[in-house]
Amino acid sequence: MDRFRIRAQMAYYHTKTLPVGIVLLAILYCIGIIVLVQVLHSLQFEPVYIGEYLLSLLGILCFTHLAVYEKESNIHEMTYVRQVAHYKIVITRFVMYGLGVYSMIWVTFLLEKAYGENFNLIHHIHGSFITVIYLGVIGMIAAYLTKQKSVGYILPFAYYMMDMFTKGKYTKGLYLFSLIDHDWQTKMNLLVVSMMLMVGFVIYLYKKS
């Protein structure tokens, strides 16, 4: 029972670690996309572009700071009955924010469906979410290793812009926007690489703990 209470307190604490400005910006960003759905539909802007080009940026916005929050804020973790390793804290934040972004993607695409759009809901939601996680993991690791959050934002955004303009010429099997070409295999590549990077990062944090 005590362990459950400690975990609950830990989860509550981590809901406060995402800066309010970023939370509001992410929510307003999704609302803006939803409001524009009807206009985009009249311009024949397919739902796949909304997920690939617009929602994918949530990964950079929401995940980059997760492992460097204490350092950039010059604070220490809350006191627990037992010491909590940093890798566990990062995992907790990653899961919580991942669920939050996943929910926002669901809401956005469900509202598109309500507006009468015809598309594969499951493919669009999970394809977009994979890209979000991929960019988010890159940003989070880059920010931690360089101790510069700005690098964590710039690196995945540069990747994003390069793929947008080169159509995967240089990234090949790790092209971010493959769902536009109905290429699900490349999305699986992104998922596998994301998992490998995250596991490797957690092991690195574990050894440093």
C-alpha atoms as a PDB file:
ATOM      1  CA  MET A   1       0.000   0.000   0.000  1.00  0.00           C
ATOM      2  CA  ASP A   2       2.848   2.357   0.840  1.00  0.00           C
ATOM      3  CA  ARG A   3       4.504   1.559  -2.477  1.00  0.00           C
ATOM      4  CA  PHE A   4       1.285   2.378  -4.330  1.00  0.00           C
ATOM      5  CA  ARG A   5       0.991   5.701  -2.482  1.00  0.00           C
ATOM      6  CA  ILE A   6       4.587   6.577  -3.320  1.00  0.00           C
ATOM      7  CA  ARG A   7       4.018   5.748  -7.009  1.00  0.00           C
ATOM      8  CA  ALA A   8       0.851   7.861  -7.003  1.00  0.00           C
ATOM      9  CA  GLN A   9       2.724  10.794  -5.456  1.00  0.00           C
ATOM     10  CA  MET A  10       5.495  10.336  -8.016  1.00  0.00           C
ATOM     11  CA  ALA A  11       3.002  10.355 -10.894  1.00  0.00           C
ATOM     12  CA  TYR A  12       1.297  13.466  -9.507  1.00  0.00           C
ATOM     13  CA  TYR A  13       4.642  15.227  -9.216  1.00  0.00           C
ATOM     14  CA  HIS A  14       5.532  14.464 -12.822  1.00  0.00           C
ATOM     15  CA  THR A  15       2.262  15.920 -14.119  1.00  0.00           C
ATOM     16  CA  LYS A  16       3.662  19.256 -12.952  1.00  0.00           C
ATOM     17  CA  THR A  17       7.045  18.952 -14.641  1.00  0.00           C
ATOM     18  CA  LEU A  18       5.844  19.866 -18.124  1.00  0.00           C
ATOM     19  CA  PRO A  19       5.995  23.669 -18.353  1.00  0.00           C
ATOM     20  CA  VAL A  20       2.531  25.217 -18.446  1.00  0.00           C
ATOM     21  CA  GLY A  21       3.423  27.182 -21.571  1.00  0.00           C
ATOM     22  CA  ILE A  22       4.273  24.011 -23.481  1.00  0.00           C
ATOM     23  CA  VAL A  23       1.078  22.268 -22.321  1.00  0.00           C
ATOM     24  CA  LEU A  24      -1.073  25.193 -23.418  1.00  0.00           C
ATOM     25  CA  LEU A  25       0.799  25.523 -26.698  1.00  0.00           C
ATOM     26  CA  ALA A  26       0.330  21.813 -27.483  1.00  0.00           C
ATOM     27  CA  ILE A  27      -3.394  21.998 -26.690  1.00  0.00           C
ATOM     28  CA  LEU A  28      -3.884  25.205 -28.676  1.00  0.00           C
ATOM     29  CA  TYR A  29      -1.892  23.704 -31.537  1.00  0.00           C
ATOM     30  CA  CYS A  30      -4.278  20.721 -31.727  1.00  0.00           C
ATOM     31  CA  ILE A  31      -7.331  22.979 -31.412  1.00  0.00           C
ATOM     32  CA  GLY A  32      -5.997  25.084 -34.280  1.00  0.00           C
ATOM     33  CA  ILE A  33      -5.613  21.985 -36.429  1.00  0.00           C
ATOM     34  CA  ILE A  34      -9.155  20.879 -35.589  1.00  0.00           C
ATOM     35  CA  VAL A  35     -10.602  24.316 -36.428  1.00  0.00           C
ATOM     36  CA  LEU A  36      -8.775  24.256 -39.770  1.00  0.00           C
ATOM     37  CA  VAL A  37     -10.025  20.785 -40.728  1.00  0.00           C
ATOM     38  CA  GLN A  38     -13.014  22.059 -42.690  1.00  0.00           C
ATOM     39  CA  VAL A  39     -10.940  24.678 -44.500  1.00  0.00           C
ATOM     40  CA  LEU A  40      -8.241  22.131 -45.298  1.00  0.00           C
ATOM     41  CA  HIS A  41     -10.871  19.727 -46.580  1.00  0.00           C
ATOM     42  CA  SER A  42     -12.156  22.381 -49.005  1.00  0.00           C
ATOM     43  CA  LEU A  43      -8.567  22.766 -50.235  1.00  0.00           C
ATOM     44  CA  GLN A  44      -8.324  18.980 -50.699  1.00  0.00           C
ATOM     45  CA  PHE A  45      -5.753  18.754 -47.895  1.00  0.00           C
ATOM     46  CA  GLU A  46      -5.960  15.060 -47.002  1.00  0.00           C
ATOM     47  CA  PRO A  47      -6.025  13.919 -43.336  1.00  0.00           C
ATOM     48  CA  VAL A  48      -2.725  12.075 -43.785  1.00  0.00           C
ATOM     49  CA  TYR A  49      -0.950  15.416 -44.227  1.00  0.00           C
ATOM     50  CA  ILE A  50      -2.403  16.700 -40.967  1.00  0.00           C
ATOM     51  CA  GLY A  51      -0.953  13.749 -39.086  1.00  0.00           C
ATOM     52  CA  GLU A  52       2.377  13.592 -40.873  1.00  0.00           C
ATOM     53  CA  TYR A  53       3.190  17.282 -41.208  1.00  0.00           C
ATOM     54  CA  LEU A  54       1.352  18.904 -38.292  1.00  0.00           C
ATOM     55  CA  LEU A  55       0.741  16.466 -35.431  1.00  0.00           C
ATOM     56  CA  SER A  56       4.241  14.973 -35.674  1.00  0.00           C
ATOM     57  CA  LEU A  57       5.700  18.235 -34.327  1.00  0.00           C
ATOM     58  CA  LEU A  58       4.136  17.429 -30.946  1.00  0.00           C
ATOM     59  CA  GLY A  59       6.992  14.976 -30.398  1.00  0.00           C
ATOM     60  CA  ILE A  60       9.578  17.748 -30.502  1.00  0.00           C
ATOM     61  CA  LEU A  61       7.418  20.074 -28.447  1.00  0.00           C
ATOM     62  CA  CYS A  62       6.464  17.709 -25.619  1.00  0.00           C
ATOM     63  CA  PHE A  63       9.312  15.201 -25.165  1.00  0.00           C
ATOM     64  CA  THR A  64      12.550  17.147 -25.550  1.00  0.00           C
ATOM     65  CA  HIS A  65      12.806  18.375 -21.958  1.00  0.00           C
ATOM     66  CA  LEU A  66      11.890  15.123 -20.177  1.00  0.00           C
ATOM     67  CA  ALA A  67      15.379  14.028 -19.112  1.00  0.00           C
ATOM     68  CA  VAL A  68      16.819  17.485 -18.420  1.00  0.00           C
ATOM     69  CA  TYR A  69      14.008  19.104 -16.427  1.00  0.00           C
ATOM     70  CA  GLU A  70      15.894  19.165 -13.108  1.00  0.00           C
ATOM     71  CA  LYS A  71      19.093  20.487 -14.647  1.00  0.00           C
ATOM     72  CA  GLU A  72      17.497  23.320 -16.575  1.00  0.00           C
ATOM     73  CA  SER A  73      15.247  24.285 -13.649  1.00  0.00           C
ATOM     74  CA  ASN A  74      18.075  23.933 -11.100  1.00  0.00           C
ATOM     75  CA  ILE A  75      15.908  21.851  -8.768  1.00  0.00           C
ATOM     76  CA  HIS A  76      16.077  18.441  -7.155  1.00  0.00           C
ATOM     77  CA  GLU A  77      13.570  15.624  -7.198  1.00  0.00           C
ATOM     78  CA  MET A  78      10.991  15.457  -4.405  1.00  0.00           C
ATOM     79  CA  THR A  79      11.938  13.345  -1.385  1.00  0.00           C
ATOM     80  CA  TYR A  80      10.649   9.763  -1.382  1.00  0.00           C
ATOM     81  CA  VAL A  81      10.718   7.103   1.313  1.00  0.00           C
ATOM     82  CA  ARG A  82      13.190   5.312  -0.957  1.00  0.00           C
ATOM     83  CA  GLN A  83      15.577   6.865  -3.430  1.00  0.00           C
ATOM     84  CA  VAL A  84      14.159   6.869  -6.977  1.00  0.00           C
ATOM     85  CA  ALA A  85      16.643   6.352  -9.816  1.00  0.00           C
ATOM     86  CA  HIS A  86      16.643   8.936 -12.595  1.00  0.00           C
ATOM     87  CA  TYR A  87      15.919   6.343 -15.301  1.00  0.00           C
ATOM     88  CA  LYS A  88      12.655   5.411 -13.549  1.00  0.00           C
ATOM     89  CA  ILE A  89      11.665   9.067 -13.436  1.00  0.00           C
ATOM     90  CA  VAL A  90      12.378   9.493 -17.156  1.00  0.00           C
ATOM     91  CA  ILE A  91      10.375   6.356 -18.004  1.00  0.00           C
ATOM     92  CA  THR A  92       7.441   7.593 -15.904  1.00  0.00           C
ATOM     93  CA  ARG A  93       7.435  10.962 -17.643  1.00  0.00           C
ATOM     94  CA  PHE A  94       7.835   9.410 -21.070  1.00  0.00           C
ATOM     95  CA  VAL A  95       4.836   7.107 -20.569  1.00  0.00           C
ATOM     96  CA  MET A  96       2.640   9.843 -19.096  1.00  0.00           C
ATOM     97  CA  TYR A  97       3.358  12.388 -21.794  1.00  0.00           C
ATOM     98  CA  GLY A  98       3.133   9.686 -24.451  1.00  0.00           C
ATOM     99  CA  LEU A  99      -0.392   8.853 -23.307  1.00  0.00           C
ATOM    100  CA  GLY A 100      -1.289  12.539 -23.295  1.00  0.00           C
ATOM    101  CA  VAL A 101      -0.087  13.103 -26.855  1.00  0.00           C
ATOM    102  CA  TYR A 102      -1.701   9.843 -27.999  1.00  0.00           C
ATOM    103  CA  SER A 103      -5.020  11.100 -26.614  1.00  0.00           C
ATOM    104  CA  MET A 104      -4.659  14.430 -28.438  1.00  0.00           C
ATOM    105  CA  ILE A 105      -4.000  12.606 -31.714  1.00  0.00           C
ATOM    106  CA  TRP A 106      -7.084  10.424 -31.168  1.00  0.00           C
ATOM    107  CA  VAL A 107      -9.279  13.461 -30.481  1.00  0.00           C
ATOM    108  CA  THR A 108      -7.981  15.297 -33.555  1.00  0.00           C
ATOM    109  CA  PHE A 109      -8.607  12.406 -35.950  1.00  0.00           C
ATOM    110  CA  LEU A 110     -11.976  11.493 -34.395  1.00  0.00           C
ATOM    111  CA  LEU A 111     -13.144  15.050 -34.992  1.00  0.00           C
ATOM    112  CA  GLU A 112     -11.920  14.806 -38.566  1.00  0.00           C
ATOM    113  CA  LYS A 113     -14.081  11.708 -38.917  1.00  0.00           C
ATOM    114  CA  ALA A 114     -17.000  13.641 -37.453  1.00  0.00           C
ATOM    115  CA  TYR A 115     -16.476  16.288 -40.155  1.00  0.00           C
ATOM    116  CA  GLY A 116     -17.020  13.569 -42.753  1.00  0.00           C
ATOM    117  CA  GLU A 117     -13.420  12.734 -43.724  1.00  0.00           C
ATOM    118  CA  ASN A 118     -12.916   9.253 -45.170  1.00  0.00           C
ATOM    119  CA  PHE A 119      -9.639   7.611 -44.111  1.00  0.00           C
ATOM    120  CA  ASN A 120      -8.184   4.667 -42.195  1.00  0.00           C
ATOM    121  CA  LEU A 121      -8.472   5.931 -38.629  1.00  0.00           C
ATOM    122  CA  ILE A 122      -6.189   3.370 -36.972  1.00  0.00           C
ATOM    123  CA  HIS A 123      -3.394   3.724 -39.547  1.00  0.00           C
ATOM    124  CA  HIS A 124      -3.443   7.521 -39.372  1.00  0.00           C
ATOM    125  CA  ILE A 125      -3.478   7.668 -35.571  1.00  0.00           C
ATOM    126  CA  HIS A 126      -0.701   5.156 -35.028  1.00  0.00           C
ATOM    127  CA  GLY A 127       1.364   6.298 -37.996  1.00  0.00           C
ATOM    128  CA  SER A 128       1.332   9.857 -36.633  1.00  0.00           C
ATOM    129  CA  PHE A 129       2.053   8.664 -33.103  1.00  0.00           C
ATOM    130  CA  ILE A 130       5.085   6.655 -34.245  1.00  0.00           C
ATOM    131  CA  THR A 131       6.549   9.765 -35.879  1.00  0.00           C
ATOM    132  CA  VAL A 132       5.821  11.769 -32.728  1.00  0.00           C
ATOM    133  CA  ILE A 133       7.690   9.237 -30.583  1.00  0.00           C
ATOM    134  CA  TYR A 134      10.595   8.993 -33.031  1.00  0.00           C
ATOM    135  CA  LEU A 135      11.187  12.749 -33.142  1.00  0.00           C
ATOM    136  CA  GLY A 136      10.573  13.042 -29.411  1.00  0.00           C
ATOM    137  CA  VAL A 137      13.134  10.380 -28.506  1.00  0.00           C
ATOM    138  CA  ILE A 138      15.746  12.001 -30.758  1.00  0.00           C
ATOM    139  CA  GLY A 139      15.113  15.395 -29.161  1.00  0.00           C
ATOM    140  CA  MET A 140      15.134  14.041 -25.613  1.00  0.00           C
ATOM    141  CA  ILE A 141      18.418  12.152 -26.047  1.00  0.00           C
ATOM    142  CA  ALA A 142      20.097  15.047 -27.872  1.00  0.00           C
ATOM    143  CA  ALA A 143      19.080  17.486 -25.117  1.00  0.00           C
ATOM    144  CA  TYR A 144      20.375  15.193 -22.386  1.00  0.00           C
ATOM    145  CA  LEU A 145      23.700  14.297 -23.989  1.00  0.00           C
ATOM    146  CA  THR A 146      24.548  17.877 -24.958  1.00  0.00           C
ATOM    147  CA  LYS A 147      22.991  19.391 -21.812  1.00  0.00           C
ATOM    148  CA  GLN A 148      21.380  21.925 -24.152  1.00  0.00           C
ATOM    149  CA  LYS A 149      17.613  21.809 -24.596  1.00  0.00           C
ATOM    150  CA  SER A 150      17.941  24.009 -27.677  1.00  0.00           C
ATOM    151  CA  VAL A 151      19.931  21.249 -29.397  1.00  0.00           C
ATOM    152  CA  GLY A 152      17.137  18.844 -28.518  1.00  0.00           C
ATOM    153  CA  TYR A 153      14.686  21.038 -30.408  1.00  0.00           C
ATOM    154  CA  ILE A 154      16.924  21.920 -33.344  1.00  0.00           C
ATOM    155  CA  LEU A 155      18.160  18.416 -34.260  1.00  0.00           C
ATOM    156  CA  PRO A 156      14.777  16.680 -34.782  1.00  0.00           C
ATOM    157  CA  PHE A 157      13.297  19.813 -36.361  1.00  0.00           C
ATOM    158  CA  ALA A 158      16.173  19.915 -38.862  1.00  0.00           C
ATOM    159  CA  TYR A 159      15.438  16.227 -39.609  1.00  0.00           C
ATOM    160  CA  TYR A 160      11.751  17.109 -40.055  1.00  0.00           C
ATOM    161  CA  MET A 161      12.489  19.990 -42.445  1.00  0.00           C
ATOM    162  CA  MET A 162      15.024  17.972 -44.449  1.00  0.00           C
ATOM    163  CA  ASP A 163      12.532  15.141 -44.992  1.00  0.00           C
ATOM    164  CA  MET A 164       9.768  17.574 -45.880  1.00  0.00           C
ATOM    165  CA  PHE A 165      11.809  19.137 -48.679  1.00  0.00           C
ATOM    166  CA  THR A 166      13.851  16.124 -49.863  1.00  0.00           C
ATOM    167  CA  LYS A 167      11.040  13.519 -49.610  1.00  0.00           C
ATOM    168  CA  GLY A 168      13.305  11.010 -47.880  1.00  0.00           C
ATOM    169  CA  LYS A 169      16.168  11.285 -50.352  1.00  0.00           C
ATOM    170  CA  TYR A 170      18.757  11.039 -47.581  1.00  0.00           C
ATOM    171  CA  THR A 171      16.879   9.207 -44.828  1.00  0.00           C
ATOM    172  CA  LYS A 172      15.595   6.379 -47.066  1.00  0.00           C
ATOM    173  CA  GLY A 173      14.075   3.735 -44.777  1.00  0.00           C
ATOM    174  CA  LEU A 174      13.709   6.269 -41.963  1.00  0.00           C
ATOM    175  CA  TYR A 175      11.603   8.751 -43.946  1.00  0.00           C
ATOM    176  CA  LEU A 176       9.254  10.530 -41.534  1.00  0.00           C
ATOM    177  CA  PHE A 177       6.277  11.000 -43.848  1.00  0.00           C
ATOM    178  CA  SER A 178       6.031   7.562 -45.463  1.00  0.00           C
ATOM    179  CA  LEU A 179       2.317   7.216 -44.723  1.00  0.00           C
ATOM    180  CA  ILE A 180       1.669   9.776 -47.465  1.00  0.00           C
ATOM    181  CA  ASP A 181       2.966   7.135 -49.891  1.00  0.00           C
ATOM    182  CA  HIS A 182       1.001   4.372 -48.110  1.00  0.00           C
ATOM    183  CA  ASP A 183       4.297   2.896 -46.926  1.00  0.00           C
ATOM    184  CA  TRP A 184       3.638   1.267 -43.549  1.00  0.00           C
ATOM    185  CA  GLN A 185       6.943  -0.643 -43.494  1.00  0.00           C
ATOM    186  CA  THR A 186       8.947   2.567 -43.072  1.00  0.00           C
ATOM    187  CA  LYS A 187       6.738   3.472 -40.114  1.00  0.00           C
ATOM    188  CA  MET A 188       7.685   0.129 -38.580  1.00  0.00           C
ATOM    189  CA  ASN A 189      11.331   1.027 -39.136  1.00  0.00           C
ATOM    190  CA  LEU A 190      10.792   4.264 -37.210  1.00  0.00           C
ATOM    191  CA  LEU A 191       9.069   2.364 -34.408  1.00  0.00           C
ATOM    192  CA  VAL A 192      11.884  -0.185 -34.099  1.00  0.00           C
ATOM    193  CA  VAL A 193      14.577   2.513 -34.101  1.00  0.00           C
ATOM    194  CA  SER A 194      12.612   4.525 -31.525  1.00  0.00           C
ATOM    195  CA  MET A 195      12.407   1.504 -29.239  1.00  0.00           C
ATOM    196  CA  MET A 196      16.106   0.732 -29.673  1.00  0.00           C
ATOM    197  CA  LEU A 197      17.090   4.330 -28.933  1.00  0.00           C
ATOM    198  CA  MET A 198      14.836   4.472 -25.878  1.00  0.00           C
ATOM    199  CA  VAL A 199      16.074   1.160 -24.490  1.00  0.00           C
ATOM    200  CA  GLY A 200      19.682   2.196 -25.064  1.00  0.00           C
ATOM    201  CA  PHE A 201      19.033   5.558 -23.376  1.00  0.00           C
ATOM    202  CA  VAL A 202      17.394   3.932 -20.352  1.00  0.00           C
ATOM    203  CA  ILE A 203      20.328   1.519 -20.001  1.00  0.00           C
ATOM    204  CA  TYR A 204      22.698   4.494 -20.179  1.00  0.00           C
ATOM    205  CA  LEU A 205      20.735   6.310 -17.449  1.00  0.00           C
ATOM    206  CA  TYR A 206      20.600   3.121 -15.368  1.00  0.00           C
ATOM    207  CA  LYS A 207      24.377   2.767 -15.441  1.00  0.00           C
ATOM    208  CA  LYS A 208      24.767   6.405 -14.453  1.00  0.00           C
ATOM    209  CA  SER A 209      22.338   6.045 -11.511  1.00  0.00           C
END
